[in-house]
Amino acid sequence: MSKPVKETHWGHPIAVWECARQQMRAELVARARSRSTVSYSELCEAVSVARFRPYSWAFMALLDEVCRDEDARTGVVLATLVVRKDTGRPGEGYFSWAEREGARFEDRESFWSDQAEAVWAAYGPTGAQTSG
């Protein structure tokens, strides 16, 4: 007996989910190239093919998928550029994730700033990620 083919991902048809991945990646790469950040709500708006709520499980799963693929390719953490609207800095989950991944830091602001500079350099005019 064969396993049924999965037709949705987080409640979205697979084709819509894949388009959402492409839209999110494009927005994050554009922000990296312009040396800017993007709030969770702005990123939700940039993914026009489907409706996502900031901080929802589906949105975070999409962000994780985009960043997992892109980070492996570039060696930097693209999610560094996704920030809270009220503070202009990443949320608690970003720093918790970084610590689980082995990052050690005493000053969150310096850590985040260094990571953002690495992302911007990787996608900047002289960075290796200027195409695609």
C-alpha atoms as a PDB file:
ATOM      1  CA  MET A   1       0.000   0.000   0.000  1.00  0.00           C
ATOM      2  CA  SER A   2       1.506   3.341  -1.014  1.00  0.00           C
ATOM      3  CA  LYS A   3       1.625   6.353   1.229  1.00  0.00           C
ATOM      4  CA  PRO A   4      -0.772   9.137   0.162  1.00  0.00           C
ATOM      5  CA  VAL A   5       0.829  12.138  -1.499  1.00  0.00           C
ATOM      6  CA  LYS A   6       0.852  15.176   0.748  1.00  0.00           C
ATOM      7  CA  GLU A   7      -1.208  17.915  -0.893  1.00  0.00           C
ATOM      8  CA  THR A   8      -0.839  20.685   1.677  1.00  0.00           C
ATOM      9  CA  HIS A   9       1.825  22.104   3.949  1.00  0.00           C
ATOM     10  CA  TRP A  10       0.732  24.019   7.052  1.00  0.00           C
ATOM     11  CA  GLY A  11      -2.737  24.245   5.510  1.00  0.00           C
ATOM     12  CA  HIS A  12      -1.549  25.702   2.196  1.00  0.00           C
ATOM     13  CA  PRO A  13      -1.523  23.826  -1.116  1.00  0.00           C
ATOM     14  CA  ILE A  14       2.028  22.702  -1.919  1.00  0.00           C
ATOM     15  CA  ALA A  15       2.233  24.979  -4.987  1.00  0.00           C
ATOM     16  CA  VAL A  16       1.177  27.985  -2.888  1.00  0.00           C
ATOM     17  CA  TRP A  17       3.681  27.091  -0.152  1.00  0.00           C
ATOM     18  CA  GLU A  18       6.501  26.882  -2.706  1.00  0.00           C
ATOM     19  CA  CYS A  19       5.525  30.245  -4.184  1.00  0.00           C
ATOM     20  CA  ALA A  20       5.441  31.705  -0.662  1.00  0.00           C
ATOM     21  CA  ARG A  21       8.970  30.361  -0.106  1.00  0.00           C
ATOM     22  CA  GLN A  22      10.145  32.090  -3.271  1.00  0.00           C
ATOM     23  CA  GLN A  23       8.467  35.369  -2.325  1.00  0.00           C
ATOM     24  CA  MET A  24       9.910  35.298   1.195  1.00  0.00           C
ATOM     25  CA  ARG A  25      13.391  34.462  -0.065  1.00  0.00           C
ATOM     26  CA  ALA A  26      13.213  37.284  -2.621  1.00  0.00           C
ATOM     27  CA  GLU A  27      12.205  39.795   0.069  1.00  0.00           C
ATOM     28  CA  LEU A  28      14.928  38.681   2.476  1.00  0.00           C
ATOM     29  CA  VAL A  29      17.598  38.743  -0.220  1.00  0.00           C
ATOM     30  CA  ALA A  30      16.449  42.211  -1.331  1.00  0.00           C
ATOM     31  CA  ARG A  31      16.733  43.421   2.278  1.00  0.00           C
ATOM     32  CA  ALA A  32      20.186  41.876   2.570  1.00  0.00           C
ATOM     33  CA  ARG A  33      21.334  43.567  -0.625  1.00  0.00           C
ATOM     34  CA  SER A  34      19.957  46.935   0.511  1.00  0.00           C
ATOM     35  CA  ARG A  35      21.573  46.600   3.963  1.00  0.00           C
ATOM     36  CA  SER A  36      18.211  46.837   5.697  1.00  0.00           C
ATOM     37  CA  THR A  37      15.988  44.786   7.977  1.00  0.00           C
ATOM     38  CA  VAL A  38      12.361  43.716   7.698  1.00  0.00           C
ATOM     39  CA  SER A  39       9.750  43.385  10.437  1.00  0.00           C
ATOM     40  CA  TYR A  40       7.800  40.170  10.853  1.00  0.00           C
ATOM     41  CA  SER A  41       4.606  41.931   9.720  1.00  0.00           C
ATOM     42  CA  GLU A  42       6.307  43.472   6.668  1.00  0.00           C
ATOM     43  CA  LEU A  43       7.625  40.058   5.706  1.00  0.00           C
ATOM     44  CA  CYS A  44       4.115  38.614   5.992  1.00  0.00           C
ATOM     45  CA  GLU A  45       2.871  41.339   3.643  1.00  0.00           C
ATOM     46  CA  ALA A  46       5.676  40.599   1.155  1.00  0.00           C
ATOM     47  CA  VAL A  47       4.386  37.033   0.860  1.00  0.00           C
ATOM     48  CA  SER A  48       1.326  37.937  -1.152  1.00  0.00           C
ATOM     49  CA  VAL A  49       0.430  34.472  -2.427  1.00  0.00           C
ATOM     50  CA  ALA A  50      -0.866  33.383   0.991  1.00  0.00           C
ATOM     51  CA  ARG A  51      -1.971  34.987   4.228  1.00  0.00           C
ATOM     52  CA  PHE A  52       0.365  34.531   7.187  1.00  0.00           C
ATOM     53  CA  ARG A  53       0.243  36.043  10.657  1.00  0.00           C
ATOM     54  CA  PRO A  54       3.507  37.225  12.219  1.00  0.00           C
ATOM     55  CA  TYR A  55       4.754  34.743  14.828  1.00  0.00           C
ATOM     56  CA  SER A  56       2.323  32.022  13.702  1.00  0.00           C
ATOM     57  CA  TRP A  57       3.653  28.464  13.533  1.00  0.00           C
ATOM     58  CA  ALA A  58       3.126  28.390   9.765  1.00  0.00           C
ATOM     59  CA  PHE A  59       5.002  31.661   9.264  1.00  0.00           C
ATOM     60  CA  MET A  60       7.887  30.505  11.434  1.00  0.00           C
ATOM     61  CA  ALA A  61       8.011  27.179   9.569  1.00  0.00           C
ATOM     62  CA  LEU A  62       8.201  29.044   6.259  1.00  0.00           C
ATOM     63  CA  LEU A  63      10.948  31.332   7.561  1.00  0.00           C
ATOM     64  CA  ASP A  64      12.834  28.308   8.864  1.00  0.00           C
ATOM     65  CA  GLU A  65      12.642  26.548   5.490  1.00  0.00           C
ATOM     66  CA  VAL A  66      13.793  29.594   3.555  1.00  0.00           C
ATOM     67  CA  CYS A  67      16.653  30.301   5.929  1.00  0.00           C
ATOM     68  CA  ARG A  68      17.764  26.696   6.298  1.00  0.00           C
ATOM     69  CA  ASP A  69      18.287  26.409   2.544  1.00  0.00           C
ATOM     70  CA  GLU A  70      19.762  29.879   2.090  1.00  0.00           C
ATOM     71  CA  ASP A  71      21.995  29.712   5.174  1.00  0.00           C
ATOM     72  CA  ALA A  72      23.484  26.411   4.029  1.00  0.00           C
ATOM     73  CA  ARG A  73      24.292  27.992   0.686  1.00  0.00           C
ATOM     74  CA  THR A  74      25.720  31.271   1.991  1.00  0.00           C
ATOM     75  CA  GLY A  75      27.164  30.493   5.415  1.00  0.00           C
ATOM     76  CA  VAL A  76      25.288  33.397   7.039  1.00  0.00           C
ATOM     77  CA  VAL A  77      21.972  33.522   8.928  1.00  0.00           C
ATOM     78  CA  LEU A  78      19.448  35.370   6.776  1.00  0.00           C
ATOM     79  CA  ALA A  79      16.864  35.387   9.584  1.00  0.00           C
ATOM     80  CA  THR A  80      19.138  37.902  11.329  1.00  0.00           C
ATOM     81  CA  LEU A  81      17.398  40.584   9.258  1.00  0.00           C
ATOM     82  CA  VAL A  82      13.887  39.753  10.526  1.00  0.00           C
ATOM     83  CA  VAL A  83      13.114  42.066  13.429  1.00  0.00           C
ATOM     84  CA  ARG A  84      10.331  43.150  15.726  1.00  0.00           C
ATOM     85  CA  LYS A  85       8.531  46.294  14.629  1.00  0.00           C
ATOM     86  CA  ASP A  86       8.589  47.806  18.134  1.00  0.00           C
ATOM     87  CA  THR A  87      12.325  47.348  18.791  1.00  0.00           C
ATOM     88  CA  GLY A  88      13.938  46.998  15.371  1.00  0.00           C
ATOM     89  CA  ARG A  89      15.781  43.958  16.725  1.00  0.00           C
ATOM     90  CA  PRO A  90      15.194  40.204  16.464  1.00  0.00           C
ATOM     91  CA  GLY A  91      12.809  38.557  18.875  1.00  0.00           C
ATOM     92  CA  GLU A  92      13.685  36.298  21.770  1.00  0.00           C
ATOM     93  CA  GLY A  93      13.436  33.212  19.567  1.00  0.00           C
ATOM     94  CA  TYR A  94      16.338  34.395  17.401  1.00  0.00           C
ATOM     95  CA  PHE A  95      18.717  34.585  20.347  1.00  0.00           C
ATOM     96  CA  SER A  96      17.471  31.308  21.834  1.00  0.00           C
ATOM     97  CA  TRP A  97      18.021  29.615  18.470  1.00  0.00           C
ATOM     98  CA  ALA A  98      21.533  31.101  18.204  1.00  0.00           C
ATOM     99  CA  GLU A  99      22.448  29.766  21.638  1.00  0.00           C
ATOM    100  CA  ARG A 100      21.090  26.303  20.760  1.00  0.00           C
ATOM    101  CA  GLU A 101      23.252  26.407  17.628  1.00  0.00           C
ATOM    102  CA  GLY A 102      26.315  27.050  19.778  1.00  0.00           C
ATOM    103  CA  ALA A 103      26.666  30.837  19.626  1.00  0.00           C
ATOM    104  CA  ARG A 104      28.171  32.352  22.747  1.00  0.00           C
ATOM    105  CA  PHE A 105      27.657  36.010  23.489  1.00  0.00           C
ATOM    106  CA  GLU A 106      27.344  38.313  26.457  1.00  0.00           C
ATOM    107  CA  ASP A 107      25.962  41.314  24.595  1.00  0.00           C
ATOM    108  CA  ARG A 108      22.973  40.591  22.369  1.00  0.00           C
ATOM    109  CA  GLU A 109      23.215  43.930  20.554  1.00  0.00           C
ATOM    110  CA  SER A 110      26.844  43.357  19.540  1.00  0.00           C
ATOM    111  CA  PHE A 111      26.131  39.765  18.529  1.00  0.00           C
ATOM    112  CA  TRP A 112      23.164  40.801  16.395  1.00  0.00           C
ATOM    113  CA  SER A 113      25.040  43.721  14.857  1.00  0.00           C
ATOM    114  CA  ASP A 114      27.959  41.464  13.907  1.00  0.00           C
ATOM    115  CA  GLN A 115      25.593  38.905  12.385  1.00  0.00           C
ATOM    116  CA  ALA A 116      23.729  41.575  10.392  1.00  0.00           C
ATOM    117  CA  GLU A 117      27.019  42.919   9.026  1.00  0.00           C
ATOM    118  CA  ALA A 118      27.969  39.385   7.940  1.00  0.00           C
ATOM    119  CA  VAL A 119      24.657  38.961   6.098  1.00  0.00           C
ATOM    120  CA  TRP A 120      24.932  42.359   4.414  1.00  0.00           C
ATOM    121  CA  ALA A 121      28.526  41.629   3.362  1.00  0.00           C
ATOM    122  CA  ALA A 122      27.553  38.228   1.939  1.00  0.00           C
ATOM    123  CA  TYR A 123      24.842  39.767  -0.235  1.00  0.00           C
ATOM    124  CA  GLY A 124      26.518  43.086  -0.980  1.00  0.00           C
ATOM    125  CA  PRO A 125      28.162  44.161  -4.232  1.00  0.00           C
ATOM    126  CA  THR A 126      31.368  42.281  -3.441  1.00  0.00           C
ATOM    127  CA  GLY A 127      29.701  39.352  -1.671  1.00  0.00           C
ATOM    128  CA  ALA A 128      29.460  35.905  -3.146  1.00  0.00           C
ATOM    129  CA  GLN A 129      25.635  35.958  -3.164  1.00  0.00           C
ATOM    130  CA  THR A 130      25.033  38.739  -5.669  1.00  0.00           C
ATOM    131  CA  SER A 131      23.317  36.494  -8.203  1.00  0.00           C
ATOM    132  CA  GLY A 132      20.097  34.501  -8.012  1.00  0.00           C
END
